[in-house]
Every structure is written in C-alpha cells, then in structure tokens.
C-alpha atoms as a PDB file:
ATOM      1  CA  MET A   1       0.000   0.000   0.000  1.00  0.00           C
ATOM      2  CA  SER A   2       1.081   3.610  -0.535  1.00  0.00           C
ATOM      3  CA  SER A   3      -0.310   7.121  -0.664  1.00  0.00           C
ATOM      4  CA  SER A   4       0.290   7.435  -4.421  1.00  0.00           C
ATOM      5  CA  LEU A   5      -3.369   7.056  -5.378  1.00  0.00           C
ATOM      6  CA  ILE A   6      -4.421   9.779  -2.921  1.00  0.00           C
ATOM      7  CA  LEU A   7      -1.769  12.125  -4.293  1.00  0.00           C
ATOM      8  CA  ASP A   8      -2.678  11.268  -7.882  1.00  0.00           C
ATOM      9  CA  GLU A   9      -6.265  12.291  -7.126  1.00  0.00           C
ATOM     10  CA  ALA A  10      -5.110  15.527  -5.485  1.00  0.00           C
ATOM     11  CA  ALA A  11      -2.953  16.313  -8.526  1.00  0.00           C
ATOM     12  CA  ASP A  12      -5.898  15.734 -10.880  1.00  0.00           C
ATOM     13  CA  ILE A  13      -8.107  18.077  -8.833  1.00  0.00           C
ATOM     14  CA  LEU A  14      -5.461  20.802  -8.857  1.00  0.00           C
ATOM     15  CA  ARG A  15      -4.983  20.482 -12.625  1.00  0.00           C
ATOM     16  CA  GLY A  16      -8.690  21.076 -13.034  1.00  0.00           C
ATOM     17  CA  LEU A  17      -8.725  24.054 -10.678  1.00  0.00           C
ATOM     18  CA  TYR A  18      -5.716  25.806 -12.213  1.00  0.00           C
ATOM     19  CA  GLY A  19      -6.272  24.949 -15.871  1.00  0.00           C
ATOM     20  CA  ASN A  20      -3.664  26.430 -18.199  1.00  0.00           C
ATOM     21  CA  GLU A  21      -2.353  28.689 -15.420  1.00  0.00           C
ATOM     22  CA  LEU A  22      -0.573  25.685 -13.918  1.00  0.00           C
ATOM     23  CA  ASP A  23       1.839  25.513 -16.855  1.00  0.00           C
ATOM     24  CA  SER A  24       3.422  28.832 -15.883  1.00  0.00           C
ATOM     25  CA  ILE A  25       4.087  28.022 -12.195  1.00  0.00           C
ATOM     26  CA  VAL A  26       7.681  27.130 -11.383  1.00  0.00           C
ATOM     27  CA  ILE A  27       9.502  26.030  -8.236  1.00  0.00           C
ATOM     28  CA  GLU A  28      11.387  29.126  -7.076  1.00  0.00           C
ATOM     29  CA  ARG A  29      13.062  27.655  -4.003  1.00  0.00           C
ATOM     30  CA  LEU A  30      13.412  24.254  -2.317  1.00  0.00           C
ATOM     31  CA  VAL A  31      14.751  23.354   1.124  1.00  0.00           C
ATOM     32  CA  VAL A  32      15.176  19.731   2.168  1.00  0.00           C
ATOM     33  CA  GLY A  33      15.291  20.081   5.939  1.00  0.00           C
ATOM     34  CA  VAL A  34      15.941  17.582   8.702  1.00  0.00           C
ATOM     35  CA  PHE A  35      12.249  17.400   9.649  1.00  0.00           C
ATOM     36  CA  PHE A  36      10.365  18.933   6.719  1.00  0.00           C
ATOM     37  CA  VAL A  37      10.798  19.658   3.026  1.00  0.00           C
ATOM     38  CA  GLY A  38       9.643  23.122   1.966  1.00  0.00           C
ATOM     39  CA  VAL A  39       8.773  24.470  -1.482  1.00  0.00           C
ATOM     40  CA  LYS A  40       8.143  28.025  -2.679  1.00  0.00           C
ATOM     41  CA  LEU A  41       6.417  28.565  -6.021  1.00  0.00           C
ATOM     42  CA  THR A  42       6.624  31.535  -8.363  1.00  0.00           C
ATOM     43  CA  ASN A  43       2.973  32.358  -7.602  1.00  0.00           C
ATOM     44  CA  GLY A  44       4.105  33.197  -4.055  1.00  0.00           C
ATOM     45  CA  CYS A  45       2.566  30.126  -2.398  1.00  0.00           C
ATOM     46  CA  GLY A  46       4.480  27.661  -0.287  1.00  0.00           C
ATOM     47  CA  GLY A  47       4.021  24.228   1.209  1.00  0.00           C
ATOM     48  CA  ILE A  48       5.867  21.890   3.523  1.00  0.00           C
ATOM     49  CA  ALA A  49       5.799  18.130   4.099  1.00  0.00           C
ATOM     50  CA  TYR A  50       7.278  15.793   6.700  1.00  0.00           C
ATOM     51  CA  THR A  51      10.601  14.149   5.855  1.00  0.00           C
ATOM     52  CA  PRO A  52      10.393  10.516   7.064  1.00  0.00           C
ATOM     53  CA  PRO A  53      13.632   9.386   8.801  1.00  0.00           C
ATOM     54  CA  GLU A  54      13.804   6.344   6.541  1.00  0.00           C
ATOM     55  CA  VAL A  55      13.923   8.649   3.506  1.00  0.00           C
ATOM     56  CA  VAL A  56      16.867  10.522   5.016  1.00  0.00           C
ATOM     57  CA  ARG A  57      18.659   7.221   5.644  1.00  0.00           C
ATOM     58  CA  SER A  58      17.982   6.100   2.085  1.00  0.00           C
ATOM     59  CA  ALA A  59      19.358   9.386   0.756  1.00  0.00           C
ATOM     60  CA  GLY A  60      22.531   8.844   2.792  1.00  0.00           C
ATOM     61  CA  ASN A  61      23.005   5.420   1.261  1.00  0.00           C
ATOM     62  CA  ARG A  62      22.600   6.810  -2.251  1.00  0.00           C
ATOM     63  CA  ILE A  63      24.739   9.925  -1.873  1.00  0.00           C
ATOM     64  CA  LEU A  64      27.456   8.671  -4.226  1.00  0.00           C
ATOM     65  CA  LYS A  65      25.163   6.852  -6.645  1.00  0.00           C
ATOM     66  CA  GLY A  66      24.318   9.106  -9.559  1.00  0.00           C
ATOM     67  CA  ASN A  67      22.965  12.607  -9.874  1.00  0.00           C
ATOM     68  CA  THR A  68      19.505  14.052  -9.345  1.00  0.00           C
ATOM     69  CA  PRO A  69      18.103  16.953 -11.369  1.00  0.00           C
ATOM     70  CA  SER A  70      18.019  20.518 -10.149  1.00  0.00           C
ATOM     71  CA  ILE A  71      14.575  21.179  -8.668  1.00  0.00           C
ATOM     72  CA  ARG A  72      14.808  24.961  -8.628  1.00  0.00           C
ATOM     73  CA  GLY A  73      13.344  26.218 -11.901  1.00  0.00           C
ATOM     74  CA  MET A  74      11.381  23.028 -12.486  1.00  0.00           C
ATOM     75  CA  HIS A  75       7.746  23.431 -13.467  1.00  0.00           C
ATOM     76  CA  ALA A  76       5.389  22.625 -10.612  1.00  0.00           C
ATOM     77  CA  VAL A  77       3.398  20.293 -12.848  1.00  0.00           C
ATOM     78  CA  GLU A  78       6.509  18.114 -13.235  1.00  0.00           C
ATOM     79  CA  ALA A  79       7.150  17.934  -9.494  1.00  0.00           C
ATOM     80  CA  MET A  80       3.507  17.216  -8.683  1.00  0.00           C
ATOM     81  CA  ALA A  81       3.500  14.274 -11.099  1.00  0.00           C
ATOM     82  CA  GLY A  82       5.862  12.406  -8.781  1.00  0.00           C
ATOM     83  CA  THR A  83       8.137  11.209 -11.565  1.00  0.00           C
ATOM     84  CA  ILE A  84      11.319  13.129 -10.782  1.00  0.00           C
ATOM     85  CA  PRO A  85      14.222  10.880  -9.668  1.00  0.00           C
ATOM     86  CA  GLY A  86      15.876  10.965  -6.254  1.00  0.00           C
ATOM     87  CA  PRO A  87      15.091   9.800  -2.710  1.00  0.00           C
ATOM     88  CA  PHE A  88      13.151  12.973  -1.799  1.00  0.00           C
ATOM     89  CA  ALA A  89      10.891  12.975  -4.874  1.00  0.00           C
ATOM     90  CA  HIS A  90       7.801  11.784  -2.972  1.00  0.00           C
ATOM     91  CA  VAL A  91       8.167  14.416  -0.248  1.00  0.00           C
ATOM     92  CA  ILE A  92       8.891  17.172  -2.780  1.00  0.00           C
ATOM     93  CA  ARG A  93       5.726  16.115  -4.586  1.00  0.00           C
ATOM     94  CA  LEU A  94       3.749  16.406  -1.352  1.00  0.00           C
ATOM     95  CA  ALA A  95       5.153  19.839  -0.537  1.00  0.00           C
ATOM     96  CA  THR A  96       4.377  21.031  -4.083  1.00  0.00           C
ATOM     97  CA  LEU A  97       0.792  19.770  -3.906  1.00  0.00           C
ATOM     98  CA  ASN A  98       0.414  21.530  -0.560  1.00  0.00           C
ATOM     99  CA  ALA A  99       1.756  24.788  -1.964  1.00  0.00           C
ATOM    100  CA  LEU A 100      -0.583  24.629  -4.947  1.00  0.00           C
ATOM    101  CA  SER A 101      -3.571  23.992  -2.663  1.00  0.00           C
ATOM    102  CA  VAL A 102      -3.189  27.078  -0.454  1.00  0.00           C
ATOM    103  CA  PRO A 103      -5.207  29.552  -2.618  1.00  0.00           C
ATOM    104  CA  PHE A 104      -8.286  27.317  -2.528  1.00  0.00           C
ATOM    105  CA  PHE A 105      -8.485  27.235   1.259  1.00  0.00           C
ATOM    106  CA  GLU A 106      -9.171  30.969   1.168  1.00  0.00           C
ATOM    107  CA  ALA A 107     -11.587  30.921  -1.774  1.00  0.00           C
ATOM    108  CA  GLY A 108     -14.660  29.510  -0.024  1.00  0.00           C
ATOM    109  CA  ARG A 109     -14.377  26.117  -1.696  1.00  0.00           C
ATOM    110  CA  TYR A 110     -14.238  24.301   1.656  1.00  0.00           C
ATOM    111  CA  THR A 111     -15.803  24.590   5.083  1.00  0.00           C
ATOM    112  CA  VAL A 112     -12.856  25.943   7.071  1.00  0.00           C
ATOM    113  CA  ASP A 113     -12.666  26.156  10.845  1.00  0.00           C
ATOM    114  CA  SER A 114      -9.931  28.517  11.996  1.00  0.00           C
ATOM    115  CA  SER A 115     -10.342  27.960  15.743  1.00  0.00           C
ATOM    116  CA  GLY A 116      -6.658  27.112  15.857  1.00  0.00           C
ATOM    117  CA  ASP A 117      -6.536  23.445  16.713  1.00  0.00           C
ATOM    118  CA  VAL A 118      -7.993  20.060  15.836  1.00  0.00           C
ATOM    119  CA  SER A 119      -9.135  19.607  19.447  1.00  0.00           C
ATOM    120  CA  GLY A 120     -11.503  22.534  18.881  1.00  0.00           C
ATOM    121  CA  ILE A 121     -13.929  20.101  17.217  1.00  0.00           C
ATOM    122  CA  ARG A 122     -14.862  18.528  20.529  1.00  0.00           C
ATOM    123  CA  SER A 123     -17.464  16.083  19.236  1.00  0.00           C
ATOM    124  CA  LEU A 124     -14.703  13.993  17.648  1.00  0.00           C
ATOM    125  CA  PHE A 125     -13.220  13.197  21.048  1.00  0.00           C
ATOM    126  CA  ARG A 126     -15.607  13.666  23.976  1.00  0.00           C
ATOM    127  CA  GLY A 127     -16.772  10.306  25.374  1.00  0.00           C
ATOM    128  CA  ARG A 128     -15.287   8.377  22.434  1.00  0.00           C
ATOM    129  CA  ARG A 129     -12.665   5.655  22.053  1.00  0.00           C
ATOM    130  CA  VAL A 130      -9.818   7.469  20.313  1.00  0.00           C
ATOM    131  CA  CYS A 131      -6.940   5.723  18.532  1.00  0.00           C
ATOM    132  CA  MET A 132      -4.025   7.925  17.469  1.00  0.00           C
ATOM    133  CA  VAL A 133      -1.441   6.610  14.986  1.00  0.00           C
ATOM    134  CA  GLY A 134       1.578   8.849  15.339  1.00  0.00           C
ATOM    135  CA  ALA A 135       1.529  10.491  18.745  1.00  0.00           C
ATOM    136  CA  ILE A 136       0.749  14.215  18.735  1.00  0.00           C
ATOM    137  CA  ILE A 137       1.779  15.174  22.254  1.00  0.00           C
ATOM    138  CA  PRO A 138       0.094  18.634  22.381  1.00  0.00           C
ATOM    139  CA  LEU A 139      -3.189  17.060  21.218  1.00  0.00           C
ATOM    140  CA  LEU A 140      -2.860  14.253  23.771  1.00  0.00           C
ATOM    141  CA  LYS A 141      -2.466  16.823  26.525  1.00  0.00           C
ATOM    142  CA  ARG A 142      -5.584  18.686  25.391  1.00  0.00           C
ATOM    143  CA  LEU A 143      -7.601  15.485  25.131  1.00  0.00           C
ATOM    144  CA  GLN A 144      -7.357  15.122  28.902  1.00  0.00           C
ATOM    145  CA  GLU A 145      -9.678  18.112  29.171  1.00  0.00           C
ATOM    146  CA  LEU A 146     -12.154  16.798  26.575  1.00  0.00           C
ATOM    147  CA  GLY A 147     -12.978  13.562  28.375  1.00  0.00           C
ATOM    148  CA  PRO A 148     -12.521  10.773  25.818  1.00  0.00           C
ATOM    149  CA  ALA A 149     -13.653   7.323  26.939  1.00  0.00           C
ATOM    150  CA  GLU A 150     -10.259   5.846  26.012  1.00  0.00           C
ATOM    151  CA  VAL A 151      -7.077   6.880  24.221  1.00  0.00           C
ATOM    152  CA  THR A 152      -4.750   4.392  22.555  1.00  0.00           C
ATOM    153  CA  ILE A 153      -1.507   5.456  20.910  1.00  0.00           C
ATOM    154  CA  ILE A 154       0.570   3.751  18.238  1.00  0.00           C
ATOM    155  CA  ASP A 155       3.998   5.143  17.419  1.00  0.00           C
ATOM    156  CA  ARG A 156       7.262   3.573  16.303  1.00  0.00           C
ATOM    157  CA  LYS A 157       9.502   6.219  17.876  1.00  0.00           C
ATOM    158  CA  LYS A 158      10.824   5.265  21.312  1.00  0.00           C
ATOM    159  CA  GLU A 159      11.169   8.890  22.395  1.00  0.00           C
ATOM    160  CA  THR A 160       7.536   9.611  21.590  1.00  0.00           C
ATOM    161  CA  ARG A 161       6.451   6.441  23.345  1.00  0.00           C
ATOM    162  CA  GLN A 162       8.142   7.515  26.571  1.00  0.00           C
ATOM    163  CA  GLU A 163       6.378  10.882  26.502  1.00  0.00           C
ATOM    164  CA  ALA A 164       3.044   9.433  25.394  1.00  0.00           C
ATOM    165  CA  GLU A 165       3.052   6.920  28.240  1.00  0.00           C
ATOM    166  CA  ALA A 166       3.298   9.740  30.807  1.00  0.00           C
ATOM    167  CA  GLY A 167      -0.409   9.577  31.573  1.00  0.00           C
ATOM    168  CA  TYR A 168      -1.829  10.645  28.205  1.00  0.00           C
ATOM    169  CA  GLY A 169      -3.052   7.276  26.985  1.00  0.00           C
ATOM    170  CA  MET A 170      -2.288   3.602  26.539  1.00  0.00           C
ATOM    171  CA  PHE A 171       0.525   2.686  24.203  1.00  0.00           C
ATOM    172  CA  VAL A 172      -0.256  -0.165  21.789  1.00  0.00           C
ATOM    173  CA  PRO A 173       2.484  -2.103  19.925  1.00  0.00           C
ATOM    174  CA  VAL A 174       2.670  -1.456  16.188  1.00  0.00           C
ATOM    175  CA  GLU A 175       1.851  -5.119  15.587  1.00  0.00           C
ATOM    176  CA  ARG A 176      -1.630  -4.495  17.042  1.00  0.00           C
ATOM    177  CA  THR A 177      -2.447  -1.501  14.827  1.00  0.00           C
ATOM    178  CA  ALA A 178      -5.284  -3.228  12.966  1.00  0.00           C
ATOM    179  CA  GLU A 179      -6.815  -4.497  16.209  1.00  0.00           C
ATOM    180  CA  ALA A 180      -6.654  -1.098  17.908  1.00  0.00           C
ATOM    181  CA  LEU A 181      -8.169   0.765  14.971  1.00  0.00           C
ATOM    182  CA  ALA A 182     -10.926  -1.817  14.532  1.00  0.00           C
ATOM    183  CA  ARG A 183     -12.389  -0.953  17.948  1.00  0.00           C
ATOM    184  CA  CYS A 184     -12.000   2.818  17.840  1.00  0.00           C
ATOM    185  CA  GLU A 185     -14.753   5.396  17.440  1.00  0.00           C
ATOM    186  CA  THR A 186     -12.361   8.145  16.328  1.00  0.00           C
ATOM    187  CA  ALA A 187      -9.113   7.514  14.454  1.00  0.00           C
ATOM    188  CA  VAL A 188      -6.449  10.220  14.253  1.00  0.00           C
ATOM    189  CA  PHE A 189      -3.625   9.868  11.724  1.00  0.00           C
ATOM    190  CA  THR A 190      -0.685  12.223  11.426  1.00  0.00           C
ATOM    191  CA  GLY A 191       0.435  13.504   8.066  1.00  0.00           C
ATOM    192  CA  ALA A 192       3.493  11.291   8.478  1.00  0.00           C
ATOM    193  CA  ALA A 193       1.265   8.391   7.374  1.00  0.00           C
ATOM    194  CA  ILE A 194       0.904  10.147   4.017  1.00  0.00           C
ATOM    195  CA  ALA A 195       4.624  10.850   3.735  1.00  0.00           C
ATOM    196  CA  ASN A 196       5.640   7.273   4.585  1.00  0.00           C
ATOM    197  CA  GLY A 197       2.958   5.683   2.410  1.00  0.00           C
ATOM    198  CA  SER A 198       0.975   3.871   5.120  1.00  0.00           C
ATOM    199  CA  ILE A 199      -2.204   5.975   5.003  1.00  0.00           C
ATOM    200  CA  GLU A 200      -4.268   3.783   2.646  1.00  0.00           C
ATOM    201  CA  GLN A 201      -3.656   0.674   4.738  1.00  0.00           C
ATOM    202  CA  LEU A 202      -4.475   2.493   7.981  1.00  0.00           C
ATOM    203  CA  ILE A 203      -7.731   3.850   6.580  1.00  0.00           C
ATOM    204  CA  GLY A 204      -8.671   0.295   5.654  1.00  0.00           C
ATOM    205  CA  PHE A 205      -8.543  -0.723   9.335  1.00  0.00           C
ATOM    206  CA  VAL A 206     -11.025   1.968  10.475  1.00  0.00           C
ATOM    207  CA  PRO A 207     -14.664   0.867  11.017  1.00  0.00           C
ATOM    208  CA  ALA A 208     -17.186   2.285   8.569  1.00  0.00           C
ATOM    209  CA  ASP A 209     -19.079   4.055  11.373  1.00  0.00           C
ATOM    210  CA  ALA A 210     -16.007   5.630  13.013  1.00  0.00           C
ATOM    211  CA  ALA A 211     -14.882   9.232  12.663  1.00  0.00           C
ATOM    212  CA  MET A 212     -11.488   9.893  11.144  1.00  0.00           C
ATOM    213  CA  ALA A 213      -9.173  12.899  11.209  1.00  0.00           C
ATOM    214  CA  VAL A 214      -5.882  13.394   9.378  1.00  0.00           C
ATOM    215  CA  VAL A 215      -3.685  15.958  11.093  1.00  0.00           C
ATOM    216  CA  GLY A 216      -0.524  17.907  10.332  1.00  0.00           C
ATOM    217  CA  PRO A 217       1.139  20.222   7.801  1.00  0.00           C
ATOM    218  CA  THR A 218       1.848  17.291   5.475  1.00  0.00           C
ATOM    219  CA  ALA A 219      -1.903  16.839   4.908  1.00  0.00           C
ATOM    220  CA  GLY A 220      -2.158  20.334   3.415  1.00  0.00           C
ATOM    221  CA  PHE A 221      -3.332  19.397  -0.079  1.00  0.00           C
ATOM    222  CA  VAL A 222      -6.896  19.689  -1.401  1.00  0.00           C
ATOM    223  CA  PRO A 223      -8.897  17.396   0.913  1.00  0.00           C
ATOM    224  CA  GLU A 224     -11.263  15.673  -1.532  1.00  0.00           C
ATOM    225  CA  PRO A 225      -9.185  12.448  -1.747  1.00  0.00           C
ATOM    226  CA  LEU A 226      -9.272  12.076   2.041  1.00  0.00           C
ATOM    227  CA  PHE A 227     -12.939  13.111   2.265  1.00  0.00           C
ATOM    228  CA  ARG A 228     -13.802  10.399  -0.292  1.00  0.00           C
ATOM    229  CA  ARG A 229     -12.178   7.924   2.093  1.00  0.00           C
ATOM    230  CA  ASN A 230     -14.486   9.100   4.906  1.00  0.00           C
ATOM    231  CA  ALA A 231     -12.175  11.539   6.694  1.00  0.00           C
ATOM    232  CA  ALA A 232     -14.420  13.843   8.721  1.00  0.00           C
ATOM    233  CA  MET A 233     -11.702  16.447   9.104  1.00  0.00           C
ATOM    234  CA  VAL A 234      -8.265  17.366   7.834  1.00  0.00           C
ATOM    235  CA  GLY A 235      -6.447  19.447  10.431  1.00  0.00           C
ATOM    236  CA  THR A 236      -3.615  21.129   8.586  1.00  0.00           C
ATOM    237  CA  VAL A 237      -1.962  24.507   7.973  1.00  0.00           C
ATOM    238  CA  ALA A 238      -1.767  27.334   5.495  1.00  0.00           C
ATOM    239  CA  VAL A 239       1.791  28.633   5.155  1.00  0.00           C
ATOM    240  CA  THR A 240       1.607  32.405   5.616  1.00  0.00           C
ATOM    241  CA  ASP A 241       5.298  33.301   5.188  1.00  0.00           C
ATOM    242  CA  ILE A 242       7.067  30.734   3.055  1.00  0.00           C
ATOM    243  CA  ASP A 243      10.383  32.622   2.982  1.00  0.00           C
ATOM    244  CA  LEU A 244      10.593  32.565   6.777  1.00  0.00           C
ATOM    245  CA  ALA A 245       9.488  28.919   6.825  1.00  0.00           C
ATOM    246  CA  LEU A 246      12.264  27.926   4.436  1.00  0.00           C
ATOM    247  CA  ASP A 247      14.807  29.843   6.518  1.00  0.00           C
ATOM    248  CA  VAL A 248      13.681  27.913   9.605  1.00  0.00           C
ATOM    249  CA  LEU A 249      13.882  24.579   7.780  1.00  0.00           C
ATOM    250  CA  GLY A 250      17.311  25.478   6.422  1.00  0.00           C
ATOM    251  CA  GLU A 251      18.524  25.915   9.997  1.00  0.00           C
ATOM    252  CA  GLY A 252      17.233  22.479  10.999  1.00  0.00           C
ATOM    253  CA  GLY A 253      14.073  23.823  12.648  1.00  0.00           C
ATOM    254  CA  GLY A 254      10.819  21.899  12.969  1.00  0.00           C
ATOM    255  CA  GLY A 255       7.139  22.336  13.654  1.00  0.00           C
ATOM    256  CA  TYR A 256       7.385  24.164  16.968  1.00  0.00           C
ATOM    257  CA  ARG A 257       9.340  27.022  15.363  1.00  0.00           C
ATOM    258  CA  LEU A 258       7.000  27.161  12.388  1.00  0.00           C
ATOM    259  CA  PHE A 259       3.683  27.352  14.241  1.00  0.00           C
ATOM    260  CA  GLY A 260       2.662  30.846  15.190  1.00  0.00           C
ATOM    261  CA  THR A 261       5.329  32.492  13.036  1.00  0.00           C
ATOM    262  CA  CYS A 262       4.811  31.402   9.442  1.00  0.00           C
ATOM    263  CA  MET A 263       1.981  28.849   9.491  1.00  0.00           C
ATOM    264  CA  ARG A 264      -1.676  29.150  10.435  1.00  0.00           C
ATOM    265  CA  LYS A 265      -3.634  26.120  11.623  1.00  0.00           C
ATOM    266  CA  ILE A 266      -6.892  25.348   9.841  1.00  0.00           C
ATOM    267  CA  ASN A 267      -9.445  22.534   9.994  1.00  0.00           C
ATOM    268  CA  LEU A 268     -11.048  21.493   6.707  1.00  0.00           C
ATOM    269  CA  LEU A 269     -14.418  19.961   7.583  1.00  0.00           C
ATOM    270  CA  ASN A 270     -16.292  17.258   5.722  1.00  0.00           C
ATOM    271  CA  THR A 271     -19.704  18.455   6.882  1.00  0.00           C
ATOM    272  CA  GLU A 272     -21.567  15.650   5.115  1.00  0.00           C
ATOM    273  CA  ARG A 273     -19.516  13.048   6.984  1.00  0.00           C
ATOM    274  CA  PHE A 274     -20.181  14.797  10.300  1.00  0.00           C
ATOM    275  CA  ARG A 275     -23.898  14.762   9.499  1.00  0.00           C
ATOM    276  CA  ARG A 276     -23.892  11.047   8.702  1.00  0.00           C
ATOM    277  CA  LEU A 277     -22.070  10.303  11.949  1.00  0.00           C
ATOM    278  CA  GLY A 278     -24.493  12.454  13.937  1.00  0.00           C
ATOM    279  CA  LEU A 279     -21.673  14.675  15.218  1.00  0.00           C
ATOM    280  CA  ASP A 280     -21.573  18.427  15.707  1.00  0.00           C
ATOM    281  CA  CYS A 281     -18.841  20.003  13.573  1.00  0.00           C
ATOM    282  CA  SER A 282     -18.922  23.373  15.358  1.00  0.00           C
ATOM    283  CA  CYS A 283     -16.345  24.326  17.946  1.00  0.00           C
END
C-alpha cells in the first residue's frame, strides 16, 4: 500500500482548478530540511511536508550513486507528477501539492474552521474511544480536558512512546495496529502516514461508522481524496510566510518554530460526513 493514489487524485483536482495557469508556475526555491521539506512557487505560495527518517537514511546510502536533477526552476506540474528521480521525490511532490492547494483554502471552496486546533472540534473526542497513529503530544495533553472514553496510541519512535506513556493514553504495539483501529470510534492519523505511504492501509482498518481525522502540515493538499475515504476532518496549515518557513527549515528547525510564526492552523471539515455520523462540527 502507498499514498500514491491519494496524491494522484489531489494532482488531478489541482490540474482542473488551475487549468492552463498551472503551466506557468515554477519552483522558485526548495529546502530539504531535517524534519520537513519546503517548497516556494513563483505564484508566491508555499508548502511543507514531513521528511520521514527512513527517507533521510535512504538518501545517505545513495549519496554517491548518480545525480539528481536541479529542482529549482522546475515546473510545478513536473514535481507534482511524482516522476522526478531521487530519494526525496515523494516528499517534494507532497510539498508542491500543498503549496498549490493554499489559494483554494481561502476561496470559499471548503468549510474551514480557523479555531486554531484540531481539538476545537470537541465532538470527535468527547466520550469516544480514540486511537491515534503517530503520537501528537500537544493534542494528547488537550484530550485530557475533553474527556474521551479511552485513548490508545501507536507510534514507532521510542522517544515519543516515553512521553506518550506519561499519563496521556495507553501505548499499543505497532503489531496491534489493525486491532486497535478496529475498535476505535475516532481515528487520528498524522500527516506522516501520508509521507511514509501507510495511510491507505491504515484507513482500511477503520470501522465504517467511526470518525477519522488526518492531522498535520503534510496533509495540506486539497482534501477531496481524504474526504472520499471518509475523513471527517483534515487538520492542517496554510503557510503564511514561506520565505521565513524555508529559513527555519534550512537551519534544521521543525514544527514548533513554524507554528505561530509562518503557518496558520486550519481545519477542513467534511460536513456531510459529520452529518452522517451524527456529530456536531462546530467548535
């Protein structure tokens, strides 16, 4: 399984929205950071996407094996197709799709909640069995105030596990992912699942009557592909100052430096899915 089909669908939607204008948009600047890849386009928009550690390791193994093309000056349509060579091609594609999507979040195409955080949609969590794949520590802390019936956490990173086990929920081994998701009422996936290609498989484990949220800057592309797969909400960001964001990434900075300075949190709501689940999508 991979996230290629989801990204292919997002690319098709963006081609339709931009039309011939897309042909003139070029990648002006690219930063491959330790934690995120960032792209700035010549239309002034920017996007970022999570850099999976395994991709960094793969790039290290391939450092002396051939050349990759220069990305700066490349047409956005080429990057968004996902066919450029190199270990970071998939993440560059994601960041490009995210950058191209930004104008449509402001154009009234989607129901956007700008309350500032995914936990603002309380009906997704209060009194429900929540399963989070990829621990989001700030969200876990806020969930304590919302009163979920149960919180289970699945994360491969040992450091995150240690912090997540500090009273925020019950850690479940990766081997029990399918079992944990099968009994949840709300599933929360980080954008890392899109970057590492596991998102389609994870979605397949979620019960048909459960709510689902995909969260993080990496999920910043047009949300229709995720909505079609029953996501009730995509909690992501709009990059407000891409030049500053790229400077931060170039210095090895991550999400905590980006939030509040050059990114604005937004929730894209699938109101029809909320209605079918009988949940309130207001804050």
